[in-house]
PDB file of N, CA and C in Angstrom:
ATOM      1  N   UNK A   1     126.050  36.566 170.136  1.00  0.00           N
ATOM      2  CA  UNK A   1     125.092  35.604 169.622  1.00  0.00           C
ATOM      3  C   UNK A   1     125.856  34.691 168.643  1.00  0.00           C
ATOM      4  N   UNK A   2     125.582  33.419 168.789  1.00  0.00           N
ATOM      5  CA  UNK A   2     126.195  32.498 167.893  1.00  0.00           C
ATOM      6  C   UNK A   2     125.284  31.309 167.679  1.00  0.00           C
ATOM      7  N   UNK A   3     125.699  30.298 166.913  1.00  0.00           N
ATOM      8  CA  UNK A   3     124.861  29.200 166.521  1.00  0.00           C
ATOM      9  C   UNK A   3     124.183  28.517 167.780  1.00  0.00           C
ATOM     10  N   UNK A   4     124.886  28.511 168.877  1.00  0.00           N
ATOM     11  CA  UNK A   4     124.338  27.892 170.076  1.00  0.00           C
ATOM     12  C   UNK A   4     123.039  28.576 170.536  1.00  0.00           C
ATOM     13  N   UNK A   5     122.841  29.860 169.999  1.00  0.00           N
ATOM     14  CA  UNK A   5     121.678  30.593 170.416  1.00  0.00           C
ATOM     15  C   UNK A   5     120.480  30.311 169.510  1.00  0.00           C
ATOM     16  N   UNK A   6     120.662  29.471 168.521  1.00  0.00           N
ATOM     17  CA  UNK A   6     119.536  29.079 167.626  1.00  0.00           C
ATOM     18  C   UNK A   6     118.604  28.201 168.388  1.00  0.00           C
ATOM     19  N   UNK A   7     117.326  28.561 168.321  1.00  0.00           N
ATOM     20  CA  UNK A   7     116.266  27.889 169.089  1.00  0.00           C
ATOM     21  C   UNK A   7     115.419  26.926 168.222  1.00  0.00           C
ATOM     22  N   UNK A   8     115.693  26.861 166.980  1.00  0.00           N
ATOM     23  CA  UNK A   8     114.923  25.890 166.117  1.00  0.00           C
ATOM     24  C   UNK A   8     113.717  26.548 165.396  1.00  0.00           C
ATOM     25  N   UNK A   9     113.637  27.851 165.343  1.00  0.00           N
ATOM     26  CA  UNK A   9     112.564  28.485 164.638  1.00  0.00           C
ATOM     27  C   UNK A   9     112.768  28.354 163.104  1.00  0.00           C
ATOM     28  N   UNK A  10     114.018  28.145 162.671  1.00  0.00           N
ATOM     29  CA  UNK A  10     114.347  28.008 161.274  1.00  0.00           C
ATOM     30  C   UNK A  10     115.057  26.650 161.123  1.00  0.00           C
ATOM     31  N   UNK A  11     114.689  25.923 160.134  1.00  0.00           N
ATOM     32  CA  UNK A  11     115.377  24.674 159.777  1.00  0.00           C
ATOM     33  C   UNK A  11     116.477  25.004 158.782  1.00  0.00           C
ATOM     34  N   UNK A  12     117.609  25.395 159.286  1.00  0.00           N
ATOM     35  CA  UNK A  12     118.735  25.873 158.401  1.00  0.00           C
ATOM     36  C   UNK A  12     119.234  24.721 157.495  1.00  0.00           C
ATOM     37  N   UNK A  13     119.235  23.500 158.033  1.00  0.00           N
ATOM     38  CA  UNK A  13     119.674  22.416 157.125  1.00  0.00           C
ATOM     39  C   UNK A  13     118.788  22.295 155.941  1.00  0.00           C
ATOM     40  N   UNK A  14     117.499  22.506 156.037  1.00  0.00           N
ATOM     41  CA  UNK A  14     116.589  22.495 154.900  1.00  0.00           C
ATOM     42  C   UNK A  14     116.975  23.666 153.912  1.00  0.00           C
ATOM     43  N   UNK A  15     117.212  24.831 154.461  1.00  0.00           N
ATOM     44  CA  UNK A  15     117.575  25.921 153.625  1.00  0.00           C
ATOM     45  C   UNK A  15     118.921  25.751 152.879  1.00  0.00           C
ATOM     46  N   UNK A  16     119.920  25.246 153.658  1.00  0.00           N
ATOM     47  CA  UNK A  16     121.226  24.965 153.053  1.00  0.00           C
ATOM     48  C   UNK A  16     121.144  23.904 151.962  1.00  0.00           C
ATOM     49  N   UNK A  17     120.308  22.926 152.191  1.00  0.00           N
ATOM     50  CA  UNK A  17     120.122  21.828 151.169  1.00  0.00           C
ATOM     51  C   UNK A  17     119.413  22.463 149.915  1.00  0.00           C
ATOM     52  N   UNK A  18     118.391  23.247 150.198  1.00  0.00           N
ATOM     53  CA  UNK A  18     117.602  23.836 149.115  1.00  0.00           C
ATOM     54  C   UNK A  18     118.503  24.750 148.250  1.00  0.00           C
ATOM     55  N   UNK A  19     119.466  25.395 148.925  1.00  0.00           N
ATOM     56  CA  UNK A  19     120.347  26.321 148.177  1.00  0.00           C
ATOM     57  C   UNK A  19     121.548  25.602 147.607  1.00  0.00           C
ATOM     58  N   UNK A  20     121.514  24.302 147.676  1.00  0.00           N
ATOM     59  CA  UNK A  20     122.609  23.463 147.093  1.00  0.00           C
ATOM     60  C   UNK A  20     123.917  23.680 147.792  1.00  0.00           C
ATOM     61  N   UNK A  21     123.830  24.004 149.081  1.00  0.00           N
ATOM     62  CA  UNK A  21     125.079  24.205 149.862  1.00  0.00           C
ATOM     63  C   UNK A  21     125.778  25.491 149.576  1.00  0.00           C
ATOM     64  N   UNK A  22     125.187  26.356 148.838  1.00  0.00           N
ATOM     65  CA  UNK A  22     125.829  27.644 148.492  1.00  0.00           C
ATOM     66  C   UNK A  22     125.546  28.629 149.622  1.00  0.00           C
ATOM     67  N   UNK A  23     126.630  28.837 150.492  1.00  0.00           N
ATOM     68  CA  UNK A  23     126.523  29.718 151.650  1.00  0.00           C
ATOM     69  C   UNK A  23     126.139  31.158 151.235  1.00  0.00           C
ATOM     70  N   UNK A  24     126.550  31.575 150.093  1.00  0.00           N
ATOM     71  CA  UNK A  24     126.211  32.931 149.625  1.00  0.00           C
ATOM     72  C   UNK A  24     124.769  33.117 149.318  1.00  0.00           C
ATOM     73  N   UNK A  25     124.185  32.105 148.714  1.00  0.00           N
ATOM     74  CA  UNK A  25     122.722  32.147 148.470  1.00  0.00           C
ATOM     75  C   UNK A  25     121.948  32.141 149.817  1.00  0.00           C
ATOM     76  N   UNK A  26     122.333  31.216 150.673  1.00  0.00           N
ATOM     77  CA  UNK A  26     121.692  31.159 152.046  1.00  0.00           C
ATOM     78  C   UNK A  26     121.744  32.517 152.676  1.00  0.00           C
ATOM     79  N   UNK A  27     122.870  33.125 152.715  1.00  0.00           N
ATOM     80  CA  UNK A  27     123.033  34.433 153.377  1.00  0.00           C
ATOM     81  C   UNK A  27     122.150  35.481 152.685  1.00  0.00           C
ATOM     82  N   UNK A  28     122.182  35.518 151.383  1.00  0.00           N
ATOM     83  CA  UNK A  28     121.385  36.452 150.640  1.00  0.00           C
ATOM     84  C   UNK A  28     119.874  36.365 150.917  1.00  0.00           C
ATOM     85  N   UNK A  29     119.416  35.055 150.929  1.00  0.00           N
ATOM     86  CA  UNK A  29     117.977  34.807 151.271  1.00  0.00           C
ATOM     87  C   UNK A  29     117.637  35.290 152.617  1.00  0.00           C
ATOM     88  N   UNK A  30     118.486  34.977 153.650  1.00  0.00           N
ATOM     89  CA  UNK A  30     118.202  35.374 155.037  1.00  0.00           C
ATOM     90  C   UNK A  30     118.213  36.837 155.184  1.00  0.00           C
ATOM     91  N   UNK A  31     119.187  37.491 154.550  1.00  0.00           N
ATOM     92  CA  UNK A  31     119.276  38.998 154.681  1.00  0.00           C
ATOM     93  C   UNK A  31     118.037  39.605 154.064  1.00  0.00           C
ATOM     94  N   UNK A  32     117.574  39.106 152.881  1.00  0.00           N
ATOM     95  CA  UNK A  32     116.371  39.623 152.310  1.00  0.00           C
ATOM     96  C   UNK A  32     115.167  39.423 153.197  1.00  0.00           C
ATOM     97  N   UNK A  33     115.031  38.186 153.757  1.00  0.00           N
ATOM     98  CA  UNK A  33     113.893  37.902 154.668  1.00  0.00           C
ATOM     99  C   UNK A  33     113.871  38.846 155.827  1.00  0.00           C
ATOM    100  N   UNK A  34     115.052  39.044 156.435  1.00  0.00           N
ATOM    101  CA  UNK A  34     115.171  39.974 157.553  1.00  0.00           C
ATOM    102  C   UNK A  34     114.764  41.399 157.236  1.00  0.00           C
ATOM    103  N   UNK A  35     115.237  41.830 156.017  1.00  0.00           N
ATOM    104  CA  UNK A  35     114.915  43.227 155.564  1.00  0.00           C
ATOM    105  C   UNK A  35     113.409  43.376 155.346  1.00  0.00           C
ATOM    106  N   UNK A  36     112.755  42.379 154.787  1.00  0.00           N
ATOM    107  CA  UNK A  36     111.398  42.483 154.479  1.00  0.00           C
ATOM    108  C   UNK A  36     110.485  42.294 155.676  1.00  0.00           C
ATOM    109  N   UNK A  37     111.009  41.741 156.843  1.00  0.00           N
ATOM    110  CA  UNK A  37     110.260  41.493 157.997  1.00  0.00           C
ATOM    111  C   UNK A  37     109.560  42.773 158.544  1.00  0.00           C
ATOM    112  N   UNK A  38     110.208  43.906 158.484  1.00  0.00           N
ATOM    113  CA  UNK A  38     109.630  45.164 158.945  1.00  0.00           C
ATOM    114  C   UNK A  38     108.395  45.499 158.172  1.00  0.00           C
ATOM    115  N   UNK A  39     108.449  45.322 156.823  1.00  0.00           N
ATOM    116  CA  UNK A  39     107.306  45.612 155.992  1.00  0.00           C
ATOM    117  C   UNK A  39     106.138  44.696 156.322  1.00  0.00           C
ATOM    118  N   UNK A  40     106.439  43.421 156.459  1.00  0.00           N
ATOM    119  CA  UNK A  40     105.374  42.434 156.793  1.00  0.00           C
ATOM    120  C   UNK A  40     104.697  42.788 158.129  1.00  0.00           C
ATOM    121  N   UNK A  41     105.539  43.164 159.049  1.00  0.00           N
ATOM    122  CA  UNK A  41     105.016  43.508 160.419  1.00  0.00           C
ATOM    123  C   UNK A  41     104.070  44.631 160.333  1.00  0.00           C
ATOM    124  N   UNK A  42     104.428  45.713 159.627  1.00  0.00           N
ATOM    125  CA  UNK A  42     103.590  46.838 159.454  1.00  0.00           C
ATOM    126  C   UNK A  42     102.236  46.478 158.780  1.00  0.00           C
ATOM    127  N   UNK A  43     102.333  45.640 157.769  1.00  0.00           N
ATOM    128  CA  UNK A  43     101.123  45.199 157.079  1.00  0.00           C
ATOM    129  C   UNK A  43     100.218  44.365 157.883  1.00  0.00           C
ATOM    130  N   UNK A  44     100.847  43.469 158.710  1.00  0.00           N
ATOM    131  CA  UNK A  44     100.065  42.630 159.667  1.00  0.00           C
ATOM    132  C   UNK A  44      99.276  43.447 160.621  1.00  0.00           C
ATOM    133  N   UNK A  45      99.813  44.587 160.981  1.00  0.00           N
ATOM    134  CA  UNK A  45      99.118  45.355 161.993  1.00  0.00           C
ATOM    135  C   UNK A  45      97.927  46.190 161.442  1.00  0.00           C
ATOM    136  N   UNK A  46      97.708  46.119 160.152  1.00  0.00           N
ATOM    137  CA  UNK A  46      96.583  46.888 159.485  1.00  0.00           C
ATOM    138  C   UNK A  46      95.609  45.828 158.954  1.00  0.00           C
ATOM    139  N   UNK A  47      94.333  45.905 159.388  1.00  0.00           N
ATOM    140  CA  UNK A  47      93.357  44.906 158.920  1.00  0.00           C
ATOM    141  C   UNK A  47      93.313  44.756 157.375  1.00  0.00           C
ATOM    142  N   UNK A  48      93.413  45.858 156.644  1.00  0.00           N
ATOM    143  CA  UNK A  48      93.283  45.815 155.226  1.00  0.00           C
ATOM    144  C   UNK A  48      94.481  45.133 154.494  1.00  0.00           C
ATOM    145  N   UNK A  49      95.595  45.036 155.183  1.00  0.00           N
ATOM    146  CA  UNK A  49      96.771  44.367 154.596  1.00  0.00           C
ATOM    147  C   UNK A  49      97.162  43.037 155.203  1.00  0.00           C
ATOM    148  N   UNK A  50      96.394  42.681 156.274  1.00  0.00           N
ATOM    149  CA  UNK A  50      96.705  41.440 157.028  1.00  0.00           C
ATOM    150  C   UNK A  50      96.756  40.163 156.240  1.00  0.00           C
ATOM    151  N   UNK A  51      95.675  39.991 155.505  1.00  0.00           N
ATOM    152  CA  UNK A  51      95.525  38.690 154.750  1.00  0.00           C
ATOM    153  C   UNK A  51      96.661  38.525 153.764  1.00  0.00           C
ATOM    154  N   UNK A  52      96.949  39.591 152.965  1.00  0.00           N
ATOM    155  CA  UNK A  52      98.002  39.546 151.921  1.00  0.00           C
ATOM    156  C   UNK A  52      99.330  39.340 152.599  1.00  0.00           C
ATOM    157  N   UNK A  53      99.636  40.075 153.643  1.00  0.00           N
ATOM    158  CA  UNK A  53     100.919  39.987 154.362  1.00  0.00           C
ATOM    159  C   UNK A  53     101.091  38.642 154.932  1.00  0.00           C
ATOM    160  N   UNK A  54     100.050  38.055 155.511  1.00  0.00           N
ATOM    161  CA  UNK A  54     100.127  36.682 156.079  1.00  0.00           C
ATOM    162  C   UNK A  54     100.446  35.709 155.017  1.00  0.00           C
ATOM    163  N   UNK A  55      99.720  35.857 153.883  1.00  0.00           N
ATOM    164  CA  UNK A  55      99.965  34.979 152.782  1.00  0.00           C
ATOM    165  C   UNK A  55     101.410  35.068 152.248  1.00  0.00           C
ATOM    166  N   UNK A  56     101.901  36.194 152.022  1.00  0.00           N
ATOM    167  CA  UNK A  56     103.277  36.405 151.516  1.00  0.00           C
ATOM    168  C   UNK A  56     104.320  35.872 152.516  1.00  0.00           C
ATOM    169  N   UNK A  57     104.090  36.194 153.772  1.00  0.00           N
ATOM    170  CA  UNK A  57     105.022  35.791 154.831  1.00  0.00           C
ATOM    171  C   UNK A  57     104.968  34.242 155.004  1.00  0.00           C
ATOM    172  N   UNK A  58     103.809  33.731 154.774  1.00  0.00           N
ATOM    173  CA  UNK A  58     103.680  32.233 154.879  1.00  0.00           C
ATOM    174  C   UNK A  58     104.631  31.551 153.854  1.00  0.00           C
ATOM    175  N   UNK A  59     104.548  32.051 152.591  1.00  0.00           N
ATOM    176  CA  UNK A  59     105.427  31.452 151.542  1.00  0.00           C
ATOM    177  C   UNK A  59     106.902  31.602 151.818  1.00  0.00           C
ATOM    178  N   UNK A  60     107.216  32.849 152.243  1.00  0.00           N
ATOM    179  CA  UNK A  60     108.638  33.169 152.522  1.00  0.00           C
ATOM    180  C   UNK A  60     109.140  32.354 153.692  1.00  0.00           C
ATOM    181  N   UNK A  61     108.304  32.159 154.664  1.00  0.00           N
ATOM    182  CA  UNK A  61     108.724  31.435 155.858  1.00  0.00           C
ATOM    183  C   UNK A  61     108.955  29.931 155.545  1.00  0.00           C
ATOM    184  N   UNK A  62     108.024  29.412 154.783  1.00  0.00           N
ATOM    185  CA  UNK A  62     108.236  27.957 154.474  1.00  0.00           C
ATOM    186  C   UNK A  62     109.464  27.794 153.452  1.00  0.00           C
ATOM    187  N   UNK A  63     109.731  28.811 152.711  1.00  0.00           N
ATOM    188  CA  UNK A  63     110.885  28.753 151.794  1.00  0.00           C
ATOM    189  C   UNK A  63     112.179  28.674 152.539  1.00  0.00           C
ATOM    190  N   UNK A  64     112.282  29.231 153.750  1.00  0.00           N
ATOM    191  CA  UNK A  64     113.513  29.191 154.475  1.00  0.00           C
ATOM    192  C   UNK A  64     113.466  28.099 155.602  1.00  0.00           C
ATOM    193  N   UNK A  65     112.400  27.371 155.700  1.00  0.00           N
ATOM    194  CA  UNK A  65     112.297  26.340 156.703  1.00  0.00           C
ATOM    195  C   UNK A  65     111.786  26.814 158.040  1.00  0.00           C
ATOM    196  N   UNK A  66     111.044  27.920 158.104  1.00  0.00           N
ATOM    197  CA  UNK A  66     110.428  28.469 159.278  1.00  0.00           C
ATOM    198  C   UNK A  66     109.010  28.009 159.267  1.00  0.00           C
ATOM    199  N   UNK A  67     108.771  26.700 159.535  1.00  0.00           N
ATOM    200  CA  UNK A  67     107.449  26.183 159.415  1.00  0.00           C
ATOM    201  C   UNK A  67     106.483  26.533 160.457  1.00  0.00           C
ATOM    202  N   UNK A  68     106.929  26.760 161.689  1.00  0.00           N
ATOM    203  CA  UNK A  68     105.955  27.207 162.708  1.00  0.00           C
ATOM    204  C   UNK A  68     105.421  28.643 162.355  1.00  0.00           C
ATOM    205  N   UNK A  69     106.337  29.481 161.879  1.00  0.00           N
ATOM    206  CA  UNK A  69     105.848  30.784 161.376  1.00  0.00           C
ATOM    207  C   UNK A  69     104.920  30.621 160.262  1.00  0.00           C
ATOM    208  N   UNK A  70     105.224  29.740 159.310  1.00  0.00           N
ATOM    209  CA  UNK A  70     104.300  29.507 158.171  1.00  0.00           C
ATOM    210  C   UNK A  70     102.961  29.030 158.666  1.00  0.00           C
ATOM    211  N   UNK A  71     102.926  28.184 159.630  1.00  0.00           N
ATOM    212  CA  UNK A  71     101.608  27.653 160.171  1.00  0.00           C
ATOM    213  C   UNK A  71     100.842  28.841 160.870  1.00  0.00           C
ATOM    214  N   UNK A  72     101.536  29.685 161.586  1.00  0.00           N
ATOM    215  CA  UNK A  72     100.893  30.848 162.260  1.00  0.00           C
ATOM    216  C   UNK A  72     100.329  31.772 161.204  1.00  0.00           C
ATOM    217  N   UNK A  73     101.112  31.953 160.111  1.00  0.00           N
ATOM    218  CA  UNK A  73     100.646  32.821 159.034  1.00  0.00           C
ATOM    219  C   UNK A  73      99.417  32.195 158.325  1.00  0.00           C
ATOM    220  N   UNK A  74      99.413  30.931 158.140  1.00  0.00           N
ATOM    221  CA  UNK A  74      98.238  30.325 157.544  1.00  0.00           C
ATOM    222  C   UNK A  74      96.979  30.531 158.381  1.00  0.00           C
ATOM    223  N   UNK A  75      97.129  30.379 159.716  1.00  0.00           N
ATOM    224  CA  UNK A  75      95.973  30.650 160.576  1.00  0.00           C
ATOM    225  C   UNK A  75      95.517  32.100 160.511  1.00  0.00           C
ATOM    226  N   UNK A  76      96.473  33.030 160.508  1.00  0.00           N
ATOM    227  CA  UNK A  76      96.132  34.447 160.413  1.00  0.00           C
ATOM    228  C   UNK A  76      95.476  34.815 159.106  1.00  0.00           C
ATOM    229  N   UNK A  77      95.960  34.153 158.034  1.00  0.00           N
ATOM    230  CA  UNK A  77      95.424  34.376 156.676  1.00  0.00           C
ATOM    231  C   UNK A  77      93.922  34.002 156.659  1.00  0.00           C
ATOM    232  N   UNK A  78      93.554  32.990 157.521  1.00  0.00           N
ATOM    233  CA  UNK A  78      92.215  32.547 157.514  1.00  0.00           C
ATOM    234  C   UNK A  78      91.379  33.286 158.580  1.00  0.00           C
ATOM    235  N   UNK A  79      91.892  34.357 159.122  1.00  0.00           N
ATOM    236  CA  UNK A  79      91.164  35.175 160.111  1.00  0.00           C
ATOM    237  C   UNK A  79      91.551  34.966 161.525  1.00  0.00           C
ATOM    238  N   UNK A  80      92.581  34.156 161.680  1.00  0.00           N
ATOM    239  CA  UNK A  80      93.111  33.907 163.060  1.00  0.00           C
ATOM    240  C   UNK A  80      93.853  35.103 163.629  1.00  0.00           C
ATOM    241  N   UNK A  81      94.368  34.935 164.831  1.00  0.00           N
ATOM    242  CA  UNK A  81      95.029  36.142 165.459  1.00  0.00           C
ATOM    243  C   UNK A  81      96.442  36.367 164.847  1.00  0.00           C
ATOM    244  N   UNK A  82      96.882  37.614 164.971  1.00  0.00           N
ATOM    245  CA  UNK A  82      98.128  38.018 164.442  1.00  0.00           C
ATOM    246  C   UNK A  82      99.280  37.895 165.452  1.00  0.00           C
ATOM    247  N   UNK A  83      98.929  37.905 166.723  1.00  0.00           N
ATOM    248  CA  UNK A  83      99.958  37.849 167.767  1.00  0.00           C
ATOM    249  C   UNK A  83     100.863  36.574 167.638  1.00  0.00           C
ATOM    250  N   UNK A  84     100.321  35.392 167.352  1.00  0.00           N
ATOM    251  CA  UNK A  84     101.232  34.293 167.187  1.00  0.00           C
ATOM    252  C   UNK A  84     102.185  34.373 165.965  1.00  0.00           C
ATOM    253  N   UNK A  85     101.761  35.110 164.941  1.00  0.00           N
ATOM    254  CA  UNK A  85     102.656  35.412 163.821  1.00  0.00           C
ATOM    255  C   UNK A  85     103.756  36.349 164.238  1.00  0.00           C
ATOM    256  N   UNK A  86     103.508  37.357 164.981  1.00  0.00           N
ATOM    257  CA  UNK A  86     104.491  38.283 165.402  1.00  0.00           C
ATOM    258  C   UNK A  86     105.500  37.627 166.364  1.00  0.00           C
ATOM    259  N   UNK A  87     104.988  36.745 167.217  1.00  0.00           N
ATOM    260  CA  UNK A  87     105.818  36.012 168.188  1.00  0.00           C
ATOM    261  C   UNK A  87     106.773  35.093 167.408  1.00  0.00           C
ATOM    262  N   UNK A  88     106.191  34.344 166.464  1.00  0.00           N
ATOM    263  CA  UNK A  88     106.979  33.366 165.640  1.00  0.00           C
ATOM    264  C   UNK A  88     107.996  34.128 164.784  1.00  0.00           C
ATOM    265  N   UNK A  89     107.614  35.289 164.240  1.00  0.00           N
ATOM    266  CA  UNK A  89     108.542  36.112 163.417  1.00  0.00           C
ATOM    267  C   UNK A  89     109.692  36.568 164.298  1.00  0.00           C
ATOM    268  N   UNK A  90     109.449  36.936 165.478  1.00  0.00           N
ATOM    269  CA  UNK A  90     110.547  37.381 166.420  1.00  0.00           C
ATOM    270  C   UNK A  90     111.530  36.243 166.588  1.00  0.00           C
ATOM    271  N   UNK A  91     110.986  35.016 166.837  1.00  0.00           N
ATOM    272  CA  UNK A  91     111.903  33.860 167.071  1.00  0.00           C
ATOM    273  C   UNK A  91     112.682  33.548 165.796  1.00  0.00           C
ATOM    274  N   UNK A  92     112.072  33.634 164.610  1.00  0.00           N
ATOM    275  CA  UNK A  92     112.751  33.394 163.306  1.00  0.00           C
ATOM    276  C   UNK A  92     113.872  34.473 163.155  1.00  0.00           C
ATOM    277  N   UNK A  93     113.575  35.740 163.459  1.00  0.00           N
ATOM    278  CA  UNK A  93     114.556  36.720 163.254  1.00  0.00           C
ATOM    279  C   UNK A  93     115.755  36.618 164.257  1.00  0.00           C
ATOM    280  N   UNK A  94     115.429  36.080 165.434  1.00  0.00           N
ATOM    281  CA  UNK A  94     116.529  35.805 166.416  1.00  0.00           C
ATOM    282  C   UNK A  94     117.440  34.628 165.882  1.00  0.00           C
ATOM    283  N   UNK A  95     116.761  33.656 165.354  1.00  0.00           N
ATOM    284  CA  UNK A  95     117.547  32.552 164.833  1.00  0.00           C
ATOM    285  C   UNK A  95     118.416  32.916 163.611  1.00  0.00           C
ATOM    286  N   UNK A  96     117.833  33.821 162.783  1.00  0.00           N
ATOM    287  CA  UNK A  96     118.581  34.365 161.565  1.00  0.00           C
ATOM    288  C   UNK A  96     119.790  35.144 162.081  1.00  0.00           C
ATOM    289  N   UNK A  97     119.604  35.967 163.054  1.00  0.00           N
ATOM    290  CA  UNK A  97     120.679  36.776 163.570  1.00  0.00           C
ATOM    291  C   UNK A  97     121.783  35.851 164.117  1.00  0.00           C
ATOM    292  N   UNK A  98     121.417  34.830 164.893  1.00  0.00           N
ATOM    293  CA  UNK A  98     122.389  33.931 165.455  1.00  0.00           C
ATOM    294  C   UNK A  98     123.202  33.189 164.326  1.00  0.00           C
ATOM    295  N   UNK A  99     122.475  32.728 163.343  1.00  0.00           N
ATOM    296  CA  UNK A  99     123.051  31.946 162.265  1.00  0.00           C
ATOM    297  C   UNK A  99     124.015  32.894 161.454  1.00  0.00           C
ATOM    298  N   UNK A 100     123.596  34.073 161.099  1.00  0.00           N
ATOM    299  CA  UNK A 100     124.404  35.014 160.312  1.00  0.00           C
ATOM    300  C   UNK A 100     125.666  35.437 161.112  1.00  0.00           C
ATOM    301  N   UNK A 101     125.499  35.558 162.424  1.00  0.00           N
ATOM    302  CA  UNK A 101     126.617  35.912 163.253  1.00  0.00           C
ATOM    303  C   UNK A 101     127.622  34.841 163.251  1.00  0.00           C
ATOM    304  N   UNK A 102     127.161  33.601 163.424  1.00  0.00           N
ATOM    305  CA  UNK A 102     128.046  32.466 163.460  1.00  0.00           C
ATOM    306  C   UNK A 102     128.772  32.346 162.064  1.00  0.00           C
ATOM    307  N   UNK A 103     128.092  32.541 160.949  1.00  0.00           N
ATOM    308  CA  UNK A 103     128.717  32.508 159.693  1.00  0.00           C
ATOM    309  C   UNK A 103     129.781  33.556 159.529  1.00  0.00           C
ATOM    310  N   UNK A 104     129.511  34.745 160.040  1.00  0.00           N
ATOM    311  CA  UNK A 104     130.469  35.871 159.995  1.00  0.00           C
ATOM    312  C   UNK A 104     131.707  35.510 160.777  1.00  0.00           C
ATOM    313  N   UNK A 105     131.540  34.947 161.943  1.00  0.00           N
ATOM    314  CA  UNK A 105     132.679  34.544 162.776  1.00  0.00           C
ATOM    315  C   UNK A 105     133.487  33.467 162.080  1.00  0.00           C
ATOM    316  N   UNK A 106     132.810  32.527 161.459  1.00  0.00           N
ATOM    317  CA  UNK A 106     133.500  31.387 160.719  1.00  0.00           C
ATOM    318  C   UNK A 106     134.314  32.055 159.536  1.00  0.00           C
ATOM    319  N   UNK A 107     133.758  32.973 158.855  1.00  0.00           N
ATOM    320  CA  UNK A 107     134.514  33.533 157.765  1.00  0.00           C
ATOM    321  C   UNK A 107     135.783  34.241 158.163  1.00  0.00           C
ATOM    322  N   UNK A 108     135.761  34.769 159.458  1.00  0.00           N
ATOM    323  CA  UNK A 108     136.940  35.443 159.939  1.00  0.00           C
ATOM    324  C   UNK A 108     138.020  34.433 160.333  1.00  0.00           C
ATOM    325  N   UNK A 109     137.602  33.205 160.715  1.00  0.00           N
ATOM    326  CA  UNK A 109     138.547  32.189 161.141  1.00  0.00           C
ATOM    327  C   UNK A 109     139.063  31.333 159.941  1.00  0.00           C
ATOM    328  N   UNK A 110     138.361  31.312 158.842  1.00  0.00           N
ATOM    329  CA  UNK A 110     138.649  30.416 157.766  1.00  0.00           C
ATOM    330  C   UNK A 110     139.613  31.190 156.797  1.00  0.00           C
ATOM    331  N   UNK A 111     140.762  30.642 156.526  1.00  0.00           N
ATOM    332  CA  UNK A 111     141.618  31.308 155.568  1.00  0.00           C
ATOM    333  C   UNK A 111     141.082  31.166 154.147  1.00  0.00           C
ATOM    334  N   UNK A 112     141.227  32.178 153.329  1.00  0.00           N
ATOM    335  CA  UNK A 112     140.674  32.160 151.968  1.00  0.00           C
ATOM    336  C   UNK A 112     141.652  31.591 151.027  1.00  0.00           C
TER     337      UNK A 112
END
C-alpha cells in the first residue's frame, strides 16, 4: 500500500498545512485517529452511544480533512443511518494506512 492507493477520503494537504508542515504531528494525529476508530465503531453500534460517538467522530474527522466522513457523522448525529458512517470510516482508515505506509517508506529512503 502506498500513496497511489489514497482514494481521497482524507485531505492530507489540509492536515499537513494545519500541522504547519510538521510530519511528526501529522503522523501522531493520524495514529491517534486510527487507534480511536475502534472505540467509535463500537459506540456507533449501540443506540445509547450513537449520537455522542457521531458527534465526536464528526469533529475528529473534520480536523484531519475527512469531510465526507464528517458529513456522514452529522447525518447520523441527527438520527440518520450509521452504515454510511462506517463505510466512510473504512475509506478514511484505508487512506490513513496508505499515507502512513508511504511516509514510512520515504523515511527509509531519506538519509538523516
